Protein backbone atom coordinates (compact mmCIF):
# COMPACT_ATOMS: atom_id res chain seq x y z
CA UNK A 1 0.00 0.00 0.00
CA UNK A 2 2.76 2.45 0.95
CA UNK A 3 4.67 1.71 -2.25
CA UNK A 4 1.56 2.41 -4.35
CA UNK A 5 1.11 5.82 -2.68
CA UNK A 6 4.78 6.66 -3.28
CA UNK A 7 4.46 5.75 -6.98
CA UNK A 8 1.38 8.00 -7.35
CA UNK A 9 3.15 10.88 -5.60
CA UNK A 10 6.23 10.44 -7.75
CA UNK A 11 4.15 10.47 -10.95
CA UNK A 12 2.25 13.56 -9.81
CA UNK A 13 5.46 15.40 -8.88
CA UNK A 14 6.99 14.47 -12.23
CA UNK A 15 3.96 15.84 -14.05
CA UNK A 16 4.11 19.11 -12.13
CA UNK A 17 7.84 19.50 -12.81
CA UNK A 18 7.30 18.78 -16.52
CA UNK A 19 4.52 21.41 -16.68
CA UNK A 20 6.68 24.05 -14.95
CA UNK A 21 9.65 23.41 -17.22
CA UNK A 22 7.44 23.55 -20.34
CA UNK A 23 5.87 26.82 -19.16
CA UNK A 24 9.28 28.39 -18.52
CA UNK A 25 10.62 27.33 -21.92
CA UNK A 26 7.55 28.77 -23.62
CA UNK A 27 7.98 32.10 -21.82
CA UNK A 28 11.69 32.27 -22.65
CA UNK A 29 11.02 31.38 -26.29
CA UNK A 30 8.47 34.18 -26.62
CA UNK A 31 10.88 36.67 -25.08
CA UNK A 32 13.71 35.68 -27.41
CA UNK A 33 11.71 36.45 -30.55
CA UNK A 34 10.12 39.73 -29.43
CA UNK A 35 11.99 42.82 -30.59
CA UNK A 36 12.03 45.68 -28.09
CA UNK A 37 12.87 48.28 -30.71
CA UNK A 38 14.20 48.89 -34.18
CA UNK A 39 16.70 51.38 -35.59
CA UNK A 40 16.21 52.73 -39.10
CA UNK A 41 19.36 54.38 -40.49
CA UNK A 42 19.29 57.39 -42.81
CA UNK A 43 18.10 56.58 -46.31
CA UNK A 44 16.76 53.14 -45.34
CA UNK A 45 13.33 51.55 -45.07
CA UNK A 46 12.60 48.75 -42.61
CA UNK A 47 9.51 46.52 -42.54
CA UNK A 48 8.37 46.11 -38.93
CA UNK A 49 5.74 43.53 -38.02
CA UNK A 50 4.97 43.74 -34.31
CA UNK A 51 1.78 43.34 -32.26
CA UNK A 52 -0.17 42.20 -35.32
CA UNK A 53 0.56 45.45 -37.20
CA UNK A 54 2.99 45.56 -40.11
CA UNK A 55 4.38 48.90 -41.34
CA UNK A 56 7.29 50.06 -43.45
CA UNK A 57 9.25 52.77 -41.64
CA UNK A 58 11.38 55.03 -43.83
CA UNK A 59 14.10 57.38 -42.65
CA UNK A 60 14.36 59.80 -45.55
CA UNK A 61 17.66 61.13 -44.23
CA UNK A 62 16.57 63.95 -41.94
CA UNK A 63 18.08 62.11 -38.98
CA UNK A 64 21.14 59.84 -38.74
CA UNK A 65 18.88 57.11 -37.35
CA UNK A 66 15.29 56.74 -36.16
CA UNK A 67 14.43 54.79 -33.00
CA UNK A 68 11.21 52.78 -33.35
CA UNK A 69 9.86 51.49 -29.99
CA UNK A 70 8.04 48.14 -30.15
CA UNK A 71 8.46 46.74 -26.63
CA UNK A 72 4.74 47.15 -25.91
CA UNK A 73 1.68 47.46 -28.10
CA UNK A 74 1.09 50.99 -26.78
CA UNK A 75 4.60 52.12 -27.80
CA UNK A 76 4.23 50.70 -31.31
CA UNK A 77 0.73 52.08 -31.94
CA UNK A 78 1.75 55.51 -30.59
CA UNK A 79 4.70 55.59 -33.00
CA UNK A 80 2.68 54.69 -36.06
C-alpha atoms as a PDB file:
ATOM      1  CA  UNK A   1       0.000   0.000   0.000  1.00  0.00           C
ATOM      2  CA  UNK A   2       2.756   2.452   0.951  1.00  0.00           C
ATOM      3  CA  UNK A   3       4.671   1.711  -2.251  1.00  0.00           C
ATOM      4  CA  UNK A   4       1.557   2.408  -4.349  1.00  0.00           C
ATOM      5  CA  UNK A   5       1.113   5.819  -2.684  1.00  0.00           C
ATOM      6  CA  UNK A   6       4.785   6.665  -3.278  1.00  0.00           C
ATOM      7  CA  UNK A   7       4.461   5.754  -6.979  1.00  0.00           C
ATOM      8  CA  UNK A   8       1.378   8.004  -7.347  1.00  0.00           C
ATOM      9  CA  UNK A   9       3.147  10.884  -5.597  1.00  0.00           C
ATOM     10  CA  UNK A  10       6.227  10.436  -7.753  1.00  0.00           C
ATOM     11  CA  UNK A  11       4.154  10.470 -10.955  1.00  0.00           C
ATOM     12  CA  UNK A  12       2.246  13.558  -9.806  1.00  0.00           C
ATOM     13  CA  UNK A  13       5.460  15.403  -8.877  1.00  0.00           C
ATOM     14  CA  UNK A  14       6.987  14.467 -12.231  1.00  0.00           C
ATOM     15  CA  UNK A  15       3.959  15.840 -14.053  1.00  0.00           C
ATOM     16  CA  UNK A  16       4.114  19.113 -12.130  1.00  0.00           C
ATOM     17  CA  UNK A  17       7.838  19.503 -12.813  1.00  0.00           C
ATOM     18  CA  UNK A  18       7.297  18.780 -16.522  1.00  0.00           C
ATOM     19  CA  UNK A  19       4.524  21.406 -16.675  1.00  0.00           C
ATOM     20  CA  UNK A  20       6.675  24.052 -14.953  1.00  0.00           C
ATOM     21  CA  UNK A  21       9.650  23.407 -17.224  1.00  0.00           C
ATOM     22  CA  UNK A  22       7.438  23.547 -20.338  1.00  0.00           C
ATOM     23  CA  UNK A  23       5.869  26.817 -19.157  1.00  0.00           C
ATOM     24  CA  UNK A  24       9.282  28.394 -18.524  1.00  0.00           C
ATOM     25  CA  UNK A  25      10.623  27.329 -21.923  1.00  0.00           C
ATOM     26  CA  UNK A  26       7.550  28.774 -23.621  1.00  0.00           C
ATOM     27  CA  UNK A  27       7.977  32.100 -21.815  1.00  0.00           C
ATOM     28  CA  UNK A  28      11.686  32.267 -22.649  1.00  0.00           C
ATOM     29  CA  UNK A  29      11.024  31.382 -26.288  1.00  0.00           C
ATOM     30  CA  UNK A  30       8.474  34.182 -26.621  1.00  0.00           C
ATOM     31  CA  UNK A  31      10.880  36.672 -25.081  1.00  0.00           C
ATOM     32  CA  UNK A  32      13.708  35.675 -27.407  1.00  0.00           C
ATOM     33  CA  UNK A  33      11.712  36.455 -30.552  1.00  0.00           C
ATOM     34  CA  UNK A  34      10.116  39.728 -29.433  1.00  0.00           C
ATOM     35  CA  UNK A  35      11.991  42.824 -30.595  1.00  0.00           C
ATOM     36  CA  UNK A  36      12.034  45.676 -28.095  1.00  0.00           C
ATOM     37  CA  UNK A  37      12.873  48.284 -30.707  1.00  0.00           C
ATOM     38  CA  UNK A  38      14.201  48.889 -34.181  1.00  0.00           C
ATOM     39  CA  UNK A  39      16.700  51.384 -35.592  1.00  0.00           C
ATOM     40  CA  UNK A  40      16.211  52.732 -39.102  1.00  0.00           C
ATOM     41  CA  UNK A  41      19.359  54.381 -40.487  1.00  0.00           C
ATOM     42  CA  UNK A  42      19.294  57.393 -42.806  1.00  0.00           C
ATOM     43  CA  UNK A  43      18.102  56.582 -46.311  1.00  0.00           C
ATOM     44  CA  UNK A  44      16.764  53.143 -45.344  1.00  0.00           C
ATOM     45  CA  UNK A  45      13.332  51.545 -45.069  1.00  0.00           C
ATOM     46  CA  UNK A  46      12.604  48.745 -42.612  1.00  0.00           C
ATOM     47  CA  UNK A  47       9.509  46.519 -42.540  1.00  0.00           C
ATOM     48  CA  UNK A  48       8.369  46.106 -38.929  1.00  0.00           C
ATOM     49  CA  UNK A  49       5.742  43.531 -38.020  1.00  0.00           C
ATOM     50  CA  UNK A  50       4.975  43.736 -34.306  1.00  0.00           C
ATOM     51  CA  UNK A  51       1.782  43.335 -32.262  1.00  0.00           C
ATOM     52  CA  UNK A  52      -0.166  42.199 -35.316  1.00  0.00           C
ATOM     53  CA  UNK A  53       0.561  45.452 -37.201  1.00  0.00           C
ATOM     54  CA  UNK A  54       2.989  45.564 -40.114  1.00  0.00           C
ATOM     55  CA  UNK A  55       4.377  48.896 -41.336  1.00  0.00           C
ATOM     56  CA  UNK A  56       7.293  50.057 -43.449  1.00  0.00           C
ATOM     57  CA  UNK A  57       9.250  52.767 -41.637  1.00  0.00           C
ATOM     58  CA  UNK A  58      11.377  55.035 -43.826  1.00  0.00           C
ATOM     59  CA  UNK A  59      14.101  57.383 -42.646  1.00  0.00           C
ATOM     60  CA  UNK A  60      14.365  59.804 -45.545  1.00  0.00           C
ATOM     61  CA  UNK A  61      17.660  61.133 -44.229  1.00  0.00           C
ATOM     62  CA  UNK A  62      16.573  63.950 -41.937  1.00  0.00           C
ATOM     63  CA  UNK A  63      18.076  62.107 -38.980  1.00  0.00           C
ATOM     64  CA  UNK A  64      21.140  59.839 -38.742  1.00  0.00           C
ATOM     65  CA  UNK A  65      18.881  57.106 -37.348  1.00  0.00           C
ATOM     66  CA  UNK A  66      15.288  56.736 -36.161  1.00  0.00           C
ATOM     67  CA  UNK A  67      14.431  54.786 -33.003  1.00  0.00           C
ATOM     68  CA  UNK A  68      11.208  52.780 -33.348  1.00  0.00           C
ATOM     69  CA  UNK A  69       9.862  51.490 -29.991  1.00  0.00           C
ATOM     70  CA  UNK A  70       8.036  48.142 -30.146  1.00  0.00           C
ATOM     71  CA  UNK A  71       8.464  46.736 -26.635  1.00  0.00           C
ATOM     72  CA  UNK A  72       4.737  47.152 -25.910  1.00  0.00           C
ATOM     73  CA  UNK A  73       1.676  47.462 -28.103  1.00  0.00           C
ATOM     74  CA  UNK A  74       1.092  50.991 -26.779  1.00  0.00           C
ATOM     75  CA  UNK A  75       4.597  52.118 -27.802  1.00  0.00           C
ATOM     76  CA  UNK A  76       4.232  50.704 -31.306  1.00  0.00           C
ATOM     77  CA  UNK A  77       0.733  52.081 -31.939  1.00  0.00           C
ATOM     78  CA  UNK A  78       1.753  55.505 -30.589  1.00  0.00           C
ATOM     79  CA  UNK A  79       4.698  55.591 -32.997  1.00  0.00           C
ATOM     80  CA  UNK A  80       2.684  54.692 -36.063  1.00  0.00           C
END
